[in-house]
Amino acid sequence: MPAPSASLDTIAVGNAARVLDIAGDDAVAIRLLEMGLTPGVGLRVLGRAPFGDPLELELRGYRLSIRRAEALRVAVEPA
């Protein structure tokens, strides 16, 4: 049975996940896709600021920081 999906903001620092989907079809969703958060890509959460915003991710060989509100729109499964 596959692991249930969660939003990216729930993944703990140091853990890995795989992107399942990006919610919405507005400019923010398109920008997340352009930054490499496409379905199937693996990532690792490297850190988060003291109040949880922004999150630092490692994916596709580079580091990316996104806001918590953006991370809420990224459906992932733990890796």
PDB file of N, CA and C in Angstrom:
ATOM      1  N   MET A   1       0.851  -1.190   0.000  1.00  0.00           N
ATOM      2  CA  MET A   1       0.000   0.000   0.000  1.00  0.00           C
ATOM      3  C   MET A   1       0.886   1.240   0.000  1.00  0.00           C
ATOM      4  N   PRO A   2       0.673   2.185  -0.927  1.00  0.00           N
ATOM      5  CA  PRO A   2       1.511   3.390  -0.981  1.00  0.00           C
ATOM      6  C   PRO A   2       1.268   4.290   0.214  1.00  0.00           C
ATOM      7  N   ALA A   3       2.298   5.055   0.557  1.00  0.00           N
ATOM      8  CA  ALA A   3       2.176   6.002   1.661  1.00  0.00           C
ATOM      9  C   ALA A   3       1.192   7.101   1.281  1.00  0.00           C
ATOM     10  N   PRO A   4       0.408   7.565   2.252  1.00  0.00           N
ATOM     11  CA  PRO A   4      -0.536   8.647   1.945  1.00  0.00           C
ATOM     12  C   PRO A   4       0.201   9.933   1.605  1.00  0.00           C
ATOM     13  N   SER A   5      -0.433  10.758   0.778  1.00  0.00           N
ATOM     14  CA  SER A   5       0.210  12.019   0.400  1.00  0.00           C
ATOM     15  C   SER A   5       0.026  13.052   1.503  1.00  0.00           C
ATOM     16  N   ALA A   6       0.919  14.020   1.509  1.00  0.00           N
ATOM     17  CA  ALA A   6       0.888  15.128   2.459  1.00  0.00           C
ATOM     18  C   ALA A   6       1.362  16.356   1.714  1.00  0.00           C
ATOM     19  N   SER A   7       1.241  17.516   2.338  1.00  0.00           N
ATOM     20  CA  SER A   7       1.779  18.706   1.697  1.00  0.00           C
ATOM     21  C   SER A   7       3.245  18.855   2.099  1.00  0.00           C
ATOM     22  N   LEU A   8       4.002  19.515   1.258  1.00  0.00           N
ATOM     23  CA  LEU A   8       5.446  19.653   1.446  1.00  0.00           C
ATOM     24  C   LEU A   8       5.792  20.294   2.774  1.00  0.00           C
ATOM     25  N   ASP A   9       4.969  21.190   3.285  1.00  0.00           N
ATOM     26  CA  ASP A   9       5.288  21.877   4.541  1.00  0.00           C
ATOM     27  C   ASP A   9       5.282  20.941   5.745  1.00  0.00           C
ATOM     28  N   THR A  10       4.745  19.720   5.612  1.00  0.00           N
ATOM     29  CA  THR A  10       4.698  18.777   6.731  1.00  0.00           C
ATOM     30  C   THR A  10       5.929  17.870   6.798  1.00  0.00           C
ATOM     31  N   ILE A  11       6.788  17.897   5.790  1.00  0.00           N
ATOM     32  CA  ILE A  11       7.973  17.044   5.761  1.00  0.00           C
ATOM     33  C   ILE A  11       9.041  17.639   6.679  1.00  0.00           C
ATOM     34  N   ALA A  12       9.559  16.834   7.573  1.00  0.00           N
ATOM     35  CA  ALA A  12      10.545  17.306   8.549  1.00  0.00           C
ATOM     36  C   ALA A  12      11.895  17.572   7.889  1.00  0.00           C
ATOM     37  N   VAL A  13      12.651  18.463   8.510  1.00  0.00           N
ATOM     38  CA  VAL A  13      13.997  18.783   8.032  1.00  0.00           C
ATOM     39  C   VAL A  13      14.836  17.510   8.022  1.00  0.00           C
ATOM     40  N   GLY A  14      15.556  17.295   6.925  1.00  0.00           N
ATOM     41  CA  GLY A  14      16.403  16.126   6.773  1.00  0.00           C
ATOM     42  C   GLY A  14      15.724  14.967   6.061  1.00  0.00           C
ATOM     43  N   ASN A  15      14.409  15.023   5.916  1.00  0.00           N
ATOM     44  CA  ASN A  15      13.680  13.941   5.266  1.00  0.00           C
ATOM     45  C   ASN A  15      13.515  14.194   3.776  1.00  0.00           C
ATOM     46  N   ALA A  16      13.322  13.111   3.045  1.00  0.00           N
ATOM     47  CA  ALA A  16      13.144  13.175   1.596  1.00  0.00           C
ATOM     48  C   ALA A  16      11.694  12.893   1.246  1.00  0.00           C
ATOM     49  N   ALA A  17      11.298  13.349   0.068  1.00  0.00           N
ATOM     50  CA  ALA A  17       9.935  13.140  -0.419  1.00  0.00           C
ATOM     51  C   ALA A  17       9.952  13.153  -1.940  1.00  0.00           C
ATOM     52  N   ARG A  18       8.824  12.749  -2.521  1.00  0.00           N
ATOM     53  CA  ARG A  18       8.661  12.776  -3.976  1.00  0.00           C
ATOM     54  C   ARG A  18       7.414  13.581  -4.284  1.00  0.00           C
ATOM     55  N   VAL A  19       7.513  14.500  -5.227  1.00  0.00           N
ATOM     56  CA  VAL A  19       6.397  15.365  -5.600  1.00  0.00           C
ATOM     57  C   VAL A  19       5.338  14.547  -6.335  1.00  0.00           C
ATOM     58  N   LEU A  20       4.082  14.716  -5.919  1.00  0.00           N
ATOM     59  CA  LEU A  20       2.960  14.057  -6.577  1.00  0.00           C
ATOM     60  C   LEU A  20       2.190  15.019  -7.470  1.00  0.00           C
ATOM     61  N   ASP A  21       1.965  16.249  -6.980  1.00  0.00           N
ATOM     62  CA  ASP A  21       1.122  17.190  -7.717  1.00  0.00           C
ATOM     63  C   ASP A  21       1.309  18.592  -7.162  1.00  0.00           C
ATOM     64  N   ILE A  22       0.978  19.579  -7.979  1.00  0.00           N
ATOM     65  CA  ILE A  22       0.934  20.977  -7.571  1.00  0.00           C
ATOM     66  C   ILE A  22      -0.515  21.418  -7.685  1.00  0.00           C
ATOM     67  N   ALA A  23      -1.081  21.938  -6.597  1.00  0.00           N
ATOM     68  CA  ALA A  23      -2.483  22.358  -6.599  1.00  0.00           C
ATOM     69  C   ALA A  23      -2.643  23.690  -7.324  1.00  0.00           C
ATOM     70  N   GLY A  24      -3.670  23.774  -8.154  1.00  0.00           N
ATOM     71  CA  GLY A  24      -4.001  25.018  -8.833  1.00  0.00           C
ATOM     72  C   GLY A  24      -3.421  25.111 -10.229  1.00  0.00           C
ATOM     73  N   ASP A  25      -3.864  26.140 -10.936  1.00  0.00           N
ATOM     74  CA  ASP A  25      -3.364  26.395 -12.287  1.00  0.00           C
ATOM     75  C   ASP A  25      -3.099  27.886 -12.493  1.00  0.00           C
ATOM     76  N   ASP A  26      -2.819  28.580 -11.395  1.00  0.00           N
ATOM     77  CA  ASP A  26      -2.541  30.006 -11.467  1.00  0.00           C
ATOM     78  C   ASP A  26      -1.039  30.247 -11.657  1.00  0.00           C
ATOM     79  N   ALA A  27      -0.631  31.492 -11.604  1.00  0.00           N
ATOM     80  CA  ALA A  27       0.765  31.856 -11.842  1.00  0.00           C
ATOM     81  C   ALA A  27       1.714  31.235 -10.819  1.00  0.00           C
ATOM     82  N   VAL A  28       1.277  31.117  -9.570  1.00  0.00           N
ATOM     83  CA  VAL A  28       2.138  30.532  -8.539  1.00  0.00           C
ATOM     84  C   VAL A  28       2.389  29.055  -8.838  1.00  0.00           C
ATOM     85  N   ALA A  29       1.351  28.322  -9.199  1.00  0.00           N
ATOM     86  CA  ALA A  29       1.502  26.898  -9.526  1.00  0.00           C
ATOM     87  C   ALA A  29       2.425  26.712 -10.729  1.00  0.00           C
ATOM     88  N   ILE A  30       2.260  27.540 -11.718  1.00  0.00           N
ATOM     89  CA  ILE A  30       3.111  27.444 -12.907  1.00  0.00           C
ATOM     90  C   ILE A  30       4.563  27.757 -12.546  1.00  0.00           C
ATOM     91  N   ARG A  31       4.767  28.749 -11.706  1.00  0.00           N
ATOM     92  CA  ARG A  31       6.130  29.108 -11.296  1.00  0.00           C
ATOM     93  C   ARG A  31       6.782  27.972 -10.511  1.00  0.00           C
ATOM     94  N   LEU A  32       6.038  27.302  -9.640  1.00  0.00           N
ATOM     95  CA  LEU A  32       6.581  26.159  -8.902  1.00  0.00           C
ATOM     96  C   LEU A  32       7.019  25.054  -9.870  1.00  0.00           C
ATOM     97  N   LEU A  33       6.217  24.818 -10.891  1.00  0.00           N
ATOM     98  CA  LEU A  33       6.578  23.826 -11.903  1.00  0.00           C
ATOM     99  C   LEU A  33       7.838  24.254 -12.654  1.00  0.00           C
ATOM    100  N   GLU A  34       7.925  25.531 -12.989  1.00  0.00           N
ATOM    101  CA  GLU A  34       9.100  26.054 -13.701  1.00  0.00           C
ATOM    102  C   GLU A  34      10.370  25.944 -12.861  1.00  0.00           C
ATOM    103  N   MET A  35      10.230  26.008 -11.538  1.00  0.00           N
ATOM    104  CA  MET A  35      11.384  25.908 -10.652  1.00  0.00           C
ATOM    105  C   MET A  35      11.811  24.462 -10.433  1.00  0.00           C
ATOM    106  N   GLY A  36      11.104  23.518 -11.041  1.00  0.00           N
ATOM    107  CA  GLY A  36      11.522  22.123 -10.974  1.00  0.00           C
ATOM    108  C   GLY A  36      10.690  21.229 -10.094  1.00  0.00           C
ATOM    109  N   LEU A  37       9.670  21.755  -9.450  1.00  0.00           N
ATOM    110  CA  LEU A  37       8.807  20.940  -8.602  1.00  0.00           C
ATOM    111  C   LEU A  37       7.737  20.259  -9.465  1.00  0.00           C
ATOM    112  N   THR A  38       8.178  19.313 -10.260  1.00  0.00           N
ATOM    113  CA  THR A  38       7.279  18.595 -11.156  1.00  0.00           C
ATOM    114  C   THR A  38       6.971  17.219 -10.591  1.00  0.00           C
ATOM    115  N   PRO A  39       5.824  16.646 -10.935  1.00  0.00           N
ATOM    116  CA  PRO A  39       5.475  15.318 -10.430  1.00  0.00           C
ATOM    117  C   PRO A  39       6.571  14.291 -10.723  1.00  0.00           C
ATOM    118  N   GLY A  40       6.908  13.529  -9.684  1.00  0.00           N
ATOM    119  CA  GLY A  40       7.917  12.483  -9.808  1.00  0.00           C
ATOM    120  C   GLY A  40       9.301  12.876  -9.319  1.00  0.00           C
ATOM    121  N   VAL A  41       9.570  14.174  -9.179  1.00  0.00           N
ATOM    122  CA  VAL A  41      10.908  14.601  -8.765  1.00  0.00           C
ATOM    123  C   VAL A  41      11.100  14.353  -7.263  1.00  0.00           C
ATOM    124  N   GLY A  42      12.289  13.882  -6.917  1.00  0.00           N
ATOM    125  CA  GLY A  42      12.633  13.685  -5.517  1.00  0.00           C
ATOM    126  C   GLY A  42      13.269  14.936  -4.938  1.00  0.00           C
ATOM    127  N   LEU A  43      13.073  15.147  -3.649  1.00  0.00           N
ATOM    128  CA  LEU A  43      13.650  16.309  -2.984  1.00  0.00           C
ATOM    129  C   LEU A  43      13.955  15.974  -1.544  1.00  0.00           C
ATOM    130  N   ARG A  44      14.740  16.840  -0.916  1.00  0.00           N
ATOM    131  CA  ARG A  44      15.052  16.722   0.508  1.00  0.00           C
ATOM    132  C   ARG A  44      14.855  18.096   1.133  1.00  0.00           C
ATOM    133  N   VAL A  45      14.257  18.119   2.323  1.00  0.00           N
ATOM    134  CA  VAL A  45      14.088  19.372   3.057  1.00  0.00           C
ATOM    135  C   VAL A  45      15.371  19.601   3.851  1.00  0.00           C
ATOM    136  N   LEU A  46      16.089  20.674   3.506  1.00  0.00           N
ATOM    137  CA  LEU A  46      17.373  20.977   4.147  1.00  0.00           C
ATOM    138  C   LEU A  46      17.213  21.832   5.388  1.00  0.00           C
ATOM    139  N   GLY A  47      16.205  22.678   5.412  1.00  0.00           N
ATOM    140  CA  GLY A  47      16.024  23.547   6.573  1.00  0.00           C
ATOM    141  C   GLY A  47      14.782  24.394   6.445  1.00  0.00           C
ATOM    142  N   ARG A  48      14.477  25.043   7.550  1.00  0.00           N
ATOM    143  CA  ARG A  48      13.373  26.003   7.558  1.00  0.00           C
ATOM    144  C   ARG A  48      13.699  27.101   8.555  1.00  0.00           C
ATOM    145  N   ALA A  49      13.228  28.282   8.276  1.00  0.00           N
ATOM    146  CA  ALA A  49      13.483  29.427   9.143  1.00  0.00           C
ATOM    147  C   ALA A  49      12.781  29.212  10.489  1.00  0.00           C
ATOM    148  N   PRO A  50      13.161  29.978  11.512  1.00  0.00           N
ATOM    149  CA  PRO A  50      12.605  29.769  12.851  1.00  0.00           C
ATOM    150  C   PRO A  50      11.081  29.740  12.934  1.00  0.00           C
ATOM    151  N   PHE A  51      10.390  30.532  12.154  1.00  0.00           N
ATOM    152  CA  PHE A  51       8.933  30.522  12.191  1.00  0.00           C
ATOM    153  C   PHE A  51       8.342  29.697  11.058  1.00  0.00           C
ATOM    154  N   GLY A  52       9.171  28.859  10.421  1.00  0.00           N
ATOM    155  CA  GLY A  52       8.701  27.942   9.394  1.00  0.00           C
ATOM    156  C   GLY A  52       8.651  28.496   7.989  1.00  0.00           C
ATOM    157  N   ASP A  53       9.119  29.707   7.796  1.00  0.00           N
ATOM    158  CA  ASP A  53       9.009  30.343   6.482  1.00  0.00           C
ATOM    159  C   ASP A  53      10.280  31.122   6.192  1.00  0.00           C
ATOM    160  N   PRO A  54      11.032  30.852   5.169  1.00  0.00           N
ATOM    161  CA  PRO A  54      10.805  29.900   4.086  1.00  0.00           C
ATOM    162  C   PRO A  54      11.404  28.523   4.394  1.00  0.00           C
ATOM    163  N   LEU A  55      11.158  27.582   3.486  1.00  0.00           N
ATOM    164  CA  LEU A  55      11.739  26.244   3.540  1.00  0.00           C
ATOM    165  C   LEU A  55      12.865  26.186   2.516  1.00  0.00           C
ATOM    166  N   GLU A  56      13.941  25.501   2.874  1.00  0.00           N
ATOM    167  CA  GLU A  56      15.043  25.305   1.933  1.00  0.00           C
ATOM    168  C   GLU A  56      15.022  23.848   1.481  1.00  0.00           C
ATOM    169  N   LEU A  57      14.989  23.661   0.165  1.00  0.00           N
ATOM    170  CA  LEU A  57      14.903  22.330  -0.428  1.00  0.00           C
ATOM    171  C   LEU A  57      16.118  22.058  -1.287  1.00  0.00           C
ATOM    172  N   GLU A  58      16.415  20.776  -1.473  1.00  0.00           N
ATOM    173  CA  GLU A  58      17.412  20.365  -2.447  1.00  0.00           C
ATOM    174  C   GLU A  58      16.718  19.432  -3.428  1.00  0.00           C
ATOM    175  N   LEU A  59      16.761  19.799  -4.711  1.00  0.00           N
ATOM    176  CA  LEU A  59      16.173  18.979  -5.755  1.00  0.00           C
ATOM    177  C   LEU A  59      16.927  19.217  -7.044  1.00  0.00           C
ATOM    178  N   ARG A  60      16.992  18.202  -7.872  1.00  0.00           N
ATOM    179  CA  ARG A  60      17.641  18.308  -9.189  1.00  0.00           C
ATOM    180  C   ARG A  60      19.059  18.894  -9.134  1.00  0.00           C
ATOM    181  N   GLY A  61      19.763  18.690  -8.009  1.00  0.00           N
ATOM    182  CA  GLY A  61      21.133  19.154  -7.898  1.00  0.00           C
ATOM    183  C   GLY A  61      21.292  20.612  -7.501  1.00  0.00           C
ATOM    184  N   TYR A  62      20.222  21.280  -7.087  1.00  0.00           N
ATOM    185  CA  TYR A  62      20.353  22.666  -6.639  1.00  0.00           C
ATOM    186  C   TYR A  62      19.479  22.899  -5.420  1.00  0.00           C
ATOM    187  N   ARG A  63      19.672  24.049  -4.785  1.00  0.00           N
ATOM    188  CA  ARG A  63      18.888  24.423  -3.604  1.00  0.00           C
ATOM    189  C   ARG A  63      17.835  25.444  -3.987  1.00  0.00           C
ATOM    190  N   LEU A  64      16.678  25.303  -3.367  1.00  0.00           N
ATOM    191  CA  LEU A  64      15.541  26.172  -3.667  1.00  0.00           C
ATOM    192  C   LEU A  64      14.878  26.557  -2.361  1.00  0.00           C
ATOM    193  N   SER A  65      14.557  27.821  -2.198  1.00  0.00           N
ATOM    194  CA  SER A  65      13.792  28.288  -1.044  1.00  0.00           C
ATOM    195  C   SER A  65      12.415  28.704  -1.511  1.00  0.00           C
ATOM    196  N   ILE A  66      11.398  28.207  -0.805  1.00  0.00           N
ATOM    197  CA  ILE A  66      10.021  28.597  -1.125  1.00  0.00           C
ATOM    198  C   ILE A  66       9.285  28.957   0.160  1.00  0.00           C
ATOM    199  N   ARG A  67       8.248  29.754   0.011  1.00  0.00           N
ATOM    200  CA  ARG A  67       7.428  30.154   1.145  1.00  0.00           C
ATOM    201  C   ARG A  67       6.574  28.980   1.613  1.00  0.00           C
ATOM    202  N   ARG A  68       6.184  29.042   2.872  1.00  0.00           N
ATOM    203  CA  ARG A  68       5.327  27.992   3.435  1.00  0.00           C
ATOM    204  C   ARG A  68       3.997  27.925   2.689  1.00  0.00           C
ATOM    205  N   ALA A  69       3.437  29.066   2.306  1.00  0.00           N
ATOM    206  CA  ALA A  69       2.173  29.092   1.562  1.00  0.00           C
ATOM    207  C   ALA A  69       2.311  28.364   0.230  1.00  0.00           C
ATOM    208  N   GLU A  70       3.479  28.448  -0.384  1.00  0.00           N
ATOM    209  CA  GLU A  70       3.716  27.730  -1.635  1.00  0.00           C
ATOM    210  C   GLU A  70       3.892  26.236  -1.364  1.00  0.00           C
ATOM    211  N   ALA A  71       4.580  25.894  -0.271  1.00  0.00           N
ATOM    212  CA  ALA A  71       4.798  24.492   0.095  1.00  0.00           C
ATOM    213  C   ALA A  71       3.484  23.784   0.384  1.00  0.00           C
ATOM    214  N   LEU A  72       2.494  24.509   0.885  1.00  0.00           N
ATOM    215  CA  LEU A  72       1.173  23.924   1.157  1.00  0.00           C
ATOM    216  C   LEU A  72       0.507  23.414  -0.122  1.00  0.00           C
ATOM    217  N   ARG A  73       0.888  23.954  -1.257  1.00  0.00           N
ATOM    218  CA  ARG A  73       0.272  23.585  -2.534  1.00  0.00           C
ATOM    219  C   ARG A  73       0.946  22.395  -3.211  1.00  0.00           C
ATOM    220  N   VAL A  74       2.064  21.932  -2.642  1.00  0.00           N
ATOM    221  CA  VAL A  74       2.823  20.833  -3.232  1.00  0.00           C
ATOM    222  C   VAL A  74       2.480  19.537  -2.502  1.00  0.00           C
ATOM    223  N   ALA A  75       1.792  18.618  -3.189  1.00  0.00           N
ATOM    224  CA  ALA A  75       1.470  17.307  -2.616  1.00  0.00           C
ATOM    225  C   ALA A  75       2.662  16.392  -2.811  1.00  0.00           C
ATOM    226  N   VAL A  76       3.087  15.747  -1.733  1.00  0.00           N
ATOM    227  CA  VAL A  76       4.252  14.862  -1.775  1.00  0.00           C
ATOM    228  C   VAL A  76       3.938  13.555  -1.065  1.00  0.00           C
ATOM    229  N   GLU A  77       4.776  12.567  -1.324  1.00  0.00           N
ATOM    230  CA  GLU A  77       4.753  11.333  -0.534  1.00  0.00           C
ATOM    231  C   GLU A  77       6.142  11.173   0.060  1.00  0.00           C
ATOM    232  N   PRO A  78       6.232  10.770   1.321  1.00  0.00           N
ATOM    233  CA  PRO A  78       7.535  10.566   1.932  1.00  0.00           C
ATOM    234  C   PRO A  78       8.334   9.522   1.165  1.00  0.00           C
ATOM    235  N   ALA A  79       9.636   9.738   1.057  1.00  0.00           N
ATOM    236  CA  ALA A  79      10.496   8.792   0.333  1.00  0.00           C
ATOM    237  C   ALA A  79      11.158   7.830   1.293  1.00  0.00           C
TER     238      ALA A  79
END
